Amino acid sequence: MTTIPAARDVRTTPEGILWAPSERWVRGRTGETTVVDSRNPVLVWEPGVPVPLYAFPRGDVREDLLRPAKNPRTGTHTGSRIFYDIELDGVLLENAAWTFPVDDLAGHIAFEWFRRAGRGLEHWYEEEDEIFIHPRDPYKRVDAIPSSRHVRIEIDGTLVADTHRPVLLFETGLPIRYYMPREDVRLDLFQPSDLSTGCPYKGTATYWAWRGDGDEPADLVWSYPEPLPAVAPVKDLLAFYNEAVDITVDGERLDRPVTPFTSKRPGRA
């Protein structure tokens, strides 16, 4: 039997937390102040949370900037009881850091990422790459592959896209996303949205909303104008939420998948 070496590094605590050491050099900062600088971070997956976060040895953290939280969010983060506010330049970042109540992670401190939680440190770097929203999961893969499949997309019976030259994006844990050239999409049926989201695997996305009637999500179509190098083939192409539209591939109508985005209809995903 072949064993994947990286998989052996993942450990489970009695509380159901998964964790694994990482070899990446990680820094977190707000403004010009570096709060954490570590070459020995630990990736942590909390129960029921699909994406990881980092925890760091205390010696890699500017503990002089931490204050016991005035209003600790006790019970969150798998029952954590010790939370910290961060004081920087007279500004208090509430509940920006915490410790996990598990023996395996004793001596480690975890941090919120501002662009994910709305509080916490503003900027994060893995080596020299700035990472947004959350750490990249080393056990997740994202591949963007050009295809010649015939893809048709309908909304409430209206054909809105038809192409024989999609780029298929395969992302662990999600359905195939079909990225289509703009010339093959009825973009006149949509209007630009003010939403912009970040993804650590793909980059920053812009959105469009359906002009028609119905309860479709406000931001149904998206594109990556400047995708990260790993998914460069999707640049400027348009994708739709499989969860909210009818997709036919090579003559076969696909079932609408159930994903974390399904529950967000009809709001923003």
Foldseek 3Di string as FASTA:
>chain_A
DDDDVQVVQWDAFPLGKIKGWDQWFKWFAADPDTFFTDRTWMWIDAPPRPAIAIKAAPVRGPCVQWDFAPDEPACPPSRFDTFTWGADPNDTFGRQKGFDPTPVRPRIMTGDECQAPVTHTDWMDGHNDIFPNHDDDPVKDKAWAWAQKWKWWAAPRHTFFTGRTWIWIDIPPDDIWTWAAPVRGNCVQWAWDPDWHADRQWGIKTFIAGPDDDFAARGFKIADCPTDPRNVVRHPTITGQLQRIWMAINRRIDDRDDHPCNVQTNYDD
